[in-house]
Amino acid sequence: ASAKRCLRVYRPKERTGQVERVASGEAAAGGACEVVCKGLFSKGSDVTRFLGLEVGTPSGARGTLAGAFGKSGKVRVRLSGAPVAVGDPVTIAIRKYVFDPDKRTVQQG
């Protein structure tokens, strides 16, 4: 069993949600903004494992997961670098290690 722990076998995973609203900032101009995203997590999920992970949009905006927004699975995301609109997809690329006893989530890339 200890030999399996030494193996760093992972499964690439991707979570995808969408921007529900722009909370603050200059989203239309491509400046720094904070948005509320839905669909990344289910209702009642523990988001703390994912805090600080990098997220991105197809338009090129990059940012980090800032925290939970209510208890319905929505999250706050700080983005910058490109214009963001309501309905834009947001993705998190992560690695899930198969033989990790702690079940940690590690940023891919």
N, C-alpha and C. Protein backbone atom coordinates (compact mmCIF):
# COMPACT_ATOMS: atom_id res chain seq x y z
N ALA A 1 0.82 -1.20 0.00
CA ALA A 1 0.00 0.00 0.00
C ALA A 1 0.86 1.26 0.00
N SER A 2 2.04 1.22 0.63
CA SER A 2 2.89 2.41 0.69
C SER A 2 3.51 2.72 -0.66
N ALA A 3 3.67 1.71 -1.52
CA ALA A 3 4.22 1.96 -2.85
C ALA A 3 3.24 2.79 -3.68
N LYS A 4 1.96 2.60 -3.49
CA LYS A 4 0.97 3.38 -4.22
C LYS A 4 1.01 4.85 -3.81
N ARG A 5 1.29 5.12 -2.55
CA ARG A 5 1.35 6.52 -2.09
C ARG A 5 2.48 7.28 -2.76
N CYS A 6 3.55 6.58 -3.12
CA CYS A 6 4.69 7.23 -3.77
C CYS A 6 4.38 7.58 -5.23
N LEU A 7 3.45 6.85 -5.83
CA LEU A 7 3.08 7.15 -7.21
C LEU A 7 2.29 8.45 -7.28
N ARG A 8 2.68 9.31 -8.19
CA ARG A 8 1.98 10.59 -8.34
C ARG A 8 1.08 10.52 -9.57
N VAL A 9 0.13 9.62 -9.53
CA VAL A 9 -0.82 9.45 -10.62
C VAL A 9 -1.98 10.41 -10.37
N TYR A 10 -2.32 11.20 -11.37
CA TYR A 10 -3.41 12.14 -11.20
C TYR A 10 -4.38 12.07 -12.36
N ARG A 11 -5.55 12.59 -12.10
CA ARG A 11 -6.60 12.69 -13.10
C ARG A 11 -6.87 14.18 -13.31
N PRO A 12 -6.67 14.70 -14.53
CA PRO A 12 -6.98 16.11 -14.75
C PRO A 12 -8.50 16.32 -14.72
N LYS A 13 -8.92 17.34 -14.01
CA LYS A 13 -10.34 17.64 -13.92
C LYS A 13 -10.55 19.12 -14.22
N GLU A 14 -11.75 19.45 -14.64
CA GLU A 14 -12.08 20.84 -14.93
C GLU A 14 -13.50 21.11 -14.45
N ARG A 15 -13.64 22.18 -13.71
CA ARG A 15 -14.97 22.61 -13.26
C ARG A 15 -15.33 23.85 -14.06
N THR A 16 -16.56 23.88 -14.53
CA THR A 16 -17.01 24.99 -15.35
C THR A 16 -18.30 25.57 -14.80
N GLY A 17 -18.34 26.89 -14.72
CA GLY A 17 -19.53 27.60 -14.29
C GLY A 17 -19.73 28.80 -15.19
N GLN A 18 -20.55 29.72 -14.75
CA GLN A 18 -20.74 30.93 -15.56
C GLN A 18 -20.94 32.14 -14.66
N VAL A 19 -20.61 33.30 -15.21
CA VAL A 19 -20.76 34.56 -14.48
C VAL A 19 -22.24 34.86 -14.35
N GLU A 20 -22.69 35.05 -13.12
CA GLU A 20 -24.09 35.38 -12.89
C GLU A 20 -24.28 36.89 -12.82
N ARG A 21 -23.33 37.59 -12.18
CA ARG A 21 -23.40 39.05 -12.13
C ARG A 21 -22.04 39.62 -11.79
N VAL A 22 -21.85 40.87 -12.15
CA VAL A 22 -20.62 41.59 -11.83
C VAL A 22 -20.88 42.34 -10.54
N ALA A 23 -20.14 41.97 -9.49
CA ALA A 23 -20.36 42.56 -8.18
C ALA A 23 -19.75 43.95 -8.06
N SER A 24 -18.52 44.11 -8.52
CA SER A 24 -17.86 45.42 -8.43
C SER A 24 -16.70 45.47 -9.40
N GLY A 25 -16.27 46.68 -9.73
CA GLY A 25 -15.11 46.86 -10.59
C GLY A 25 -15.47 47.27 -12.00
N GLU A 26 -14.46 47.22 -12.87
CA GLU A 26 -14.60 47.68 -14.25
C GLU A 26 -14.58 46.48 -15.20
N ALA A 27 -15.65 45.69 -15.20
CA ALA A 27 -15.69 44.47 -16.01
C ALA A 27 -15.72 44.77 -17.50
N ALA A 28 -16.46 45.78 -17.93
CA ALA A 28 -16.59 46.07 -19.35
C ALA A 28 -15.29 46.60 -19.94
N ALA A 29 -14.49 47.28 -19.13
CA ALA A 29 -13.24 47.86 -19.62
C ALA A 29 -12.07 46.88 -19.53
N GLY A 30 -12.29 45.72 -18.92
CA GLY A 30 -11.21 44.76 -18.79
C GLY A 30 -10.35 44.99 -17.56
N GLY A 31 -10.77 45.89 -16.70
CA GLY A 31 -10.03 46.14 -15.47
C GLY A 31 -10.34 45.08 -14.42
N ALA A 32 -9.79 45.28 -13.24
CA ALA A 32 -10.03 44.34 -12.15
C ALA A 32 -11.48 44.43 -11.69
N CYS A 33 -12.09 43.27 -11.49
CA CYS A 33 -13.47 43.25 -11.04
C CYS A 33 -13.72 41.99 -10.21
N GLU A 34 -14.79 42.04 -9.45
CA GLU A 34 -15.20 40.86 -8.69
C GLU A 34 -16.56 40.44 -9.22
N VAL A 35 -16.68 39.16 -9.57
CA VAL A 35 -17.92 38.63 -10.14
C VAL A 35 -18.44 37.50 -9.26
N VAL A 36 -19.73 37.24 -9.39
CA VAL A 36 -20.35 36.10 -8.71
C VAL A 36 -20.63 35.05 -9.77
N CYS A 37 -20.14 33.83 -9.54
CA CYS A 37 -20.29 32.74 -10.50
C CYS A 37 -21.16 31.64 -9.93
N LYS A 38 -21.93 31.01 -10.81
CA LYS A 38 -22.75 29.87 -10.41
C LYS A 38 -22.37 28.66 -11.24
N GLY A 39 -22.65 27.48 -10.73
CA GLY A 39 -22.41 26.27 -11.47
C GLY A 39 -21.06 25.62 -11.24
N LEU A 40 -20.13 26.29 -10.54
CA LEU A 40 -18.84 25.68 -10.26
C LEU A 40 -18.95 24.63 -9.16
N PHE A 41 -19.82 24.86 -8.19
CA PHE A 41 -19.97 23.97 -7.05
C PHE A 41 -21.45 23.71 -6.79
N SER A 42 -21.74 22.58 -6.18
CA SER A 42 -23.12 22.28 -5.84
C SER A 42 -23.49 22.93 -4.51
N LYS A 43 -24.77 22.97 -4.23
CA LYS A 43 -25.28 23.58 -3.01
C LYS A 43 -24.71 22.86 -1.79
N GLY A 44 -24.18 23.62 -0.85
CA GLY A 44 -23.65 23.05 0.38
C GLY A 44 -22.22 22.53 0.27
N SER A 45 -21.55 22.72 -0.87
CA SER A 45 -20.17 22.26 -1.03
C SER A 45 -19.21 23.07 -0.17
N ASP A 46 -18.13 22.43 0.24
CA ASP A 46 -17.09 23.12 1.01
C ASP A 46 -16.12 23.76 0.02
N VAL A 47 -16.21 25.06 -0.13
CA VAL A 47 -15.42 25.80 -1.12
C VAL A 47 -14.01 26.11 -0.60
N THR A 48 -13.78 25.96 0.70
CA THR A 48 -12.50 26.36 1.29
C THR A 48 -11.31 25.61 0.69
N ARG A 49 -11.52 24.38 0.22
CA ARG A 49 -10.42 23.62 -0.41
C ARG A 49 -9.95 24.26 -1.70
N PHE A 50 -10.81 25.05 -2.33
CA PHE A 50 -10.51 25.62 -3.63
C PHE A 50 -10.13 27.10 -3.58
N LEU A 51 -10.17 27.72 -2.41
CA LEU A 51 -9.86 29.15 -2.30
C LEU A 51 -8.44 29.44 -2.78
N GLY A 52 -8.29 30.49 -3.55
CA GLY A 52 -6.99 30.89 -4.05
C GLY A 52 -6.59 30.23 -5.36
N LEU A 53 -7.35 29.26 -5.83
CA LEU A 53 -7.01 28.61 -7.10
C LEU A 53 -7.28 29.56 -8.26
N GLU A 54 -6.51 29.39 -9.32
CA GLU A 54 -6.63 30.27 -10.49
C GLU A 54 -7.81 29.83 -11.35
N VAL A 55 -8.56 30.81 -11.80
CA VAL A 55 -9.68 30.58 -12.71
C VAL A 55 -9.47 31.40 -13.98
N GLY A 56 -10.16 31.03 -15.04
CA GLY A 56 -10.01 31.77 -16.28
C GLY A 56 -11.27 31.73 -17.11
N THR A 57 -11.31 32.63 -18.10
CA THR A 57 -12.43 32.68 -19.04
C THR A 57 -11.86 32.53 -20.45
N PRO A 58 -12.67 32.12 -21.41
CA PRO A 58 -12.19 32.01 -22.80
C PRO A 58 -11.73 33.34 -23.39
N SER A 59 -12.23 34.45 -22.86
CA SER A 59 -11.83 35.76 -23.38
C SER A 59 -10.44 36.18 -22.91
N GLY A 60 -9.87 35.42 -21.96
CA GLY A 60 -8.51 35.72 -21.50
C GLY A 60 -8.43 36.32 -20.11
N ALA A 61 -9.55 36.57 -19.47
CA ALA A 61 -9.53 37.10 -18.11
C ALA A 61 -9.04 36.02 -17.15
N ARG A 62 -8.16 36.37 -16.25
CA ARG A 62 -7.62 35.44 -15.26
C ARG A 62 -7.85 36.02 -13.88
N GLY A 63 -7.98 35.13 -12.91
CA GLY A 63 -8.18 35.58 -11.55
C GLY A 63 -8.12 34.45 -10.56
N THR A 64 -8.62 34.72 -9.35
CA THR A 64 -8.58 33.73 -8.29
C THR A 64 -9.95 33.58 -7.65
N LEU A 65 -10.17 32.44 -7.06
CA LEU A 65 -11.39 32.15 -6.33
C LEU A 65 -11.30 32.85 -4.98
N ALA A 66 -12.21 33.78 -4.71
CA ALA A 66 -12.12 34.61 -3.51
C ALA A 66 -12.90 34.05 -2.33
N GLY A 67 -14.00 33.36 -2.56
CA GLY A 67 -14.77 32.81 -1.45
C GLY A 67 -16.17 32.45 -1.86
N ALA A 68 -16.89 31.89 -0.90
CA ALA A 68 -18.27 31.49 -1.14
C ALA A 68 -19.18 32.71 -1.16
N PHE A 69 -20.30 32.58 -1.83
CA PHE A 69 -21.30 33.65 -1.87
C PHE A 69 -22.63 33.01 -1.51
N GLY A 70 -23.02 33.13 -0.26
CA GLY A 70 -24.23 32.49 0.22
C GLY A 70 -24.03 31.00 0.41
N LYS A 71 -25.13 30.27 0.45
CA LYS A 71 -25.05 28.82 0.67
C LYS A 71 -25.59 28.02 -0.50
N SER A 72 -25.72 28.67 -1.64
CA SER A 72 -26.33 28.00 -2.79
C SER A 72 -25.29 27.48 -3.79
N GLY A 73 -24.01 27.48 -3.43
CA GLY A 73 -22.98 27.00 -4.34
C GLY A 73 -22.35 28.07 -5.20
N LYS A 74 -22.76 29.30 -5.03
CA LYS A 74 -22.17 30.40 -5.79
C LYS A 74 -20.86 30.83 -5.13
N VAL A 75 -19.96 31.38 -5.93
CA VAL A 75 -18.65 31.81 -5.43
C VAL A 75 -18.31 33.19 -5.97
N ARG A 76 -17.46 33.89 -5.20
CA ARG A 76 -16.93 35.18 -5.62
C ARG A 76 -15.58 34.93 -6.29
N VAL A 77 -15.37 35.57 -7.44
CA VAL A 77 -14.13 35.41 -8.19
C VAL A 77 -13.59 36.79 -8.54
N ARG A 78 -12.31 37.02 -8.28
CA ARG A 78 -11.65 38.28 -8.67
C ARG A 78 -10.97 38.05 -10.01
N LEU A 79 -11.37 38.83 -11.01
CA LEU A 79 -10.85 38.68 -12.37
C LEU A 79 -10.21 39.98 -12.86
N SER A 80 -9.28 39.84 -13.79
CA SER A 80 -8.71 41.01 -14.47
C SER A 80 -8.10 40.56 -15.79
N GLY A 81 -7.86 41.51 -16.67
CA GLY A 81 -7.15 41.21 -17.91
C GLY A 81 -7.96 41.26 -19.18
N ALA A 82 -9.27 41.09 -19.10
CA ALA A 82 -10.11 41.12 -20.30
C ALA A 82 -11.53 41.45 -19.88
N PRO A 83 -12.33 41.98 -20.79
CA PRO A 83 -13.72 42.27 -20.45
C PRO A 83 -14.50 41.00 -20.07
N VAL A 84 -15.39 41.13 -19.09
CA VAL A 84 -16.20 40.02 -18.62
C VAL A 84 -17.66 40.45 -18.66
N ALA A 85 -18.53 39.56 -19.14
CA ALA A 85 -19.95 39.86 -19.22
C ALA A 85 -20.74 38.76 -18.51
N VAL A 86 -21.96 39.08 -18.17
CA VAL A 86 -22.86 38.10 -17.55
C VAL A 86 -23.08 36.96 -18.54
N GLY A 87 -22.95 35.72 -18.05
CA GLY A 87 -23.13 34.55 -18.89
C GLY A 87 -21.83 33.96 -19.43
N ASP A 88 -20.71 34.67 -19.27
CA ASP A 88 -19.42 34.14 -19.73
C ASP A 88 -19.05 32.89 -18.93
N PRO A 89 -18.48 31.86 -19.59
CA PRO A 89 -18.05 30.68 -18.85
C PRO A 89 -16.77 30.94 -18.05
N VAL A 90 -16.66 30.28 -16.90
CA VAL A 90 -15.50 30.38 -16.02
C VAL A 90 -15.05 28.96 -15.71
N THR A 91 -13.73 28.69 -15.84
CA THR A 91 -13.24 27.33 -15.60
C THR A 91 -12.11 27.30 -14.58
N ILE A 92 -12.02 26.18 -13.87
CA ILE A 92 -10.92 25.90 -12.95
C ILE A 92 -10.33 24.57 -13.39
N ALA A 93 -9.03 24.54 -13.70
CA ALA A 93 -8.34 23.30 -14.07
C ALA A 93 -7.59 22.79 -12.84
N ILE A 94 -7.90 21.57 -12.42
CA ILE A 94 -7.28 21.00 -11.22
C ILE A 94 -6.79 19.59 -11.49
N ARG A 95 -5.94 19.10 -10.59
CA ARG A 95 -5.46 17.72 -10.64
C ARG A 95 -5.96 17.00 -9.40
N LYS A 96 -6.52 15.84 -9.59
CA LYS A 96 -7.00 15.00 -8.50
C LYS A 96 -6.06 13.80 -8.43
N TYR A 97 -5.23 13.71 -7.37
CA TYR A 97 -4.28 12.61 -7.25
C TYR A 97 -5.00 11.35 -6.78
N VAL A 98 -4.80 10.25 -7.50
CA VAL A 98 -5.54 9.02 -7.29
C VAL A 98 -5.20 8.35 -5.96
N PHE A 99 -3.92 8.26 -5.61
CA PHE A 99 -3.51 7.53 -4.42
C PHE A 99 -3.22 8.44 -3.23
N ASP A 100 -3.69 9.66 -3.25
CA ASP A 100 -3.45 10.60 -2.16
C ASP A 100 -4.43 10.33 -1.02
N PRO A 101 -3.95 9.96 0.17
CA PRO A 101 -4.87 9.68 1.28
C PRO A 101 -5.57 10.93 1.80
N ASP A 102 -4.99 12.12 1.57
CA ASP A 102 -5.59 13.37 2.06
C ASP A 102 -6.61 13.95 1.09
N LYS A 103 -6.70 13.40 -0.13
CA LYS A 103 -7.65 13.86 -1.15
C LYS A 103 -7.49 15.35 -1.46
N ARG A 104 -6.25 15.79 -1.55
CA ARG A 104 -5.99 17.21 -1.84
C ARG A 104 -6.34 17.56 -3.27
N THR A 105 -6.62 18.84 -3.47
CA THR A 105 -6.88 19.37 -4.80
C THR A 105 -5.73 20.31 -5.14
N VAL A 106 -5.07 20.07 -6.26
CA VAL A 106 -3.89 20.83 -6.65
C VAL A 106 -4.17 21.51 -7.98
N GLN A 107 -3.71 22.76 -8.09
CA GLN A 107 -3.89 23.51 -9.33
C GLN A 107 -3.11 22.86 -10.46
N GLN A 108 -3.73 22.72 -11.60
CA GLN A 108 -3.07 22.14 -12.76
C GLN A 108 -2.29 23.22 -13.50
N GLY A 109 -1.15 22.84 -14.05
CA GLY A 109 -0.40 23.77 -14.87
C GLY A 109 0.77 24.28 -14.23
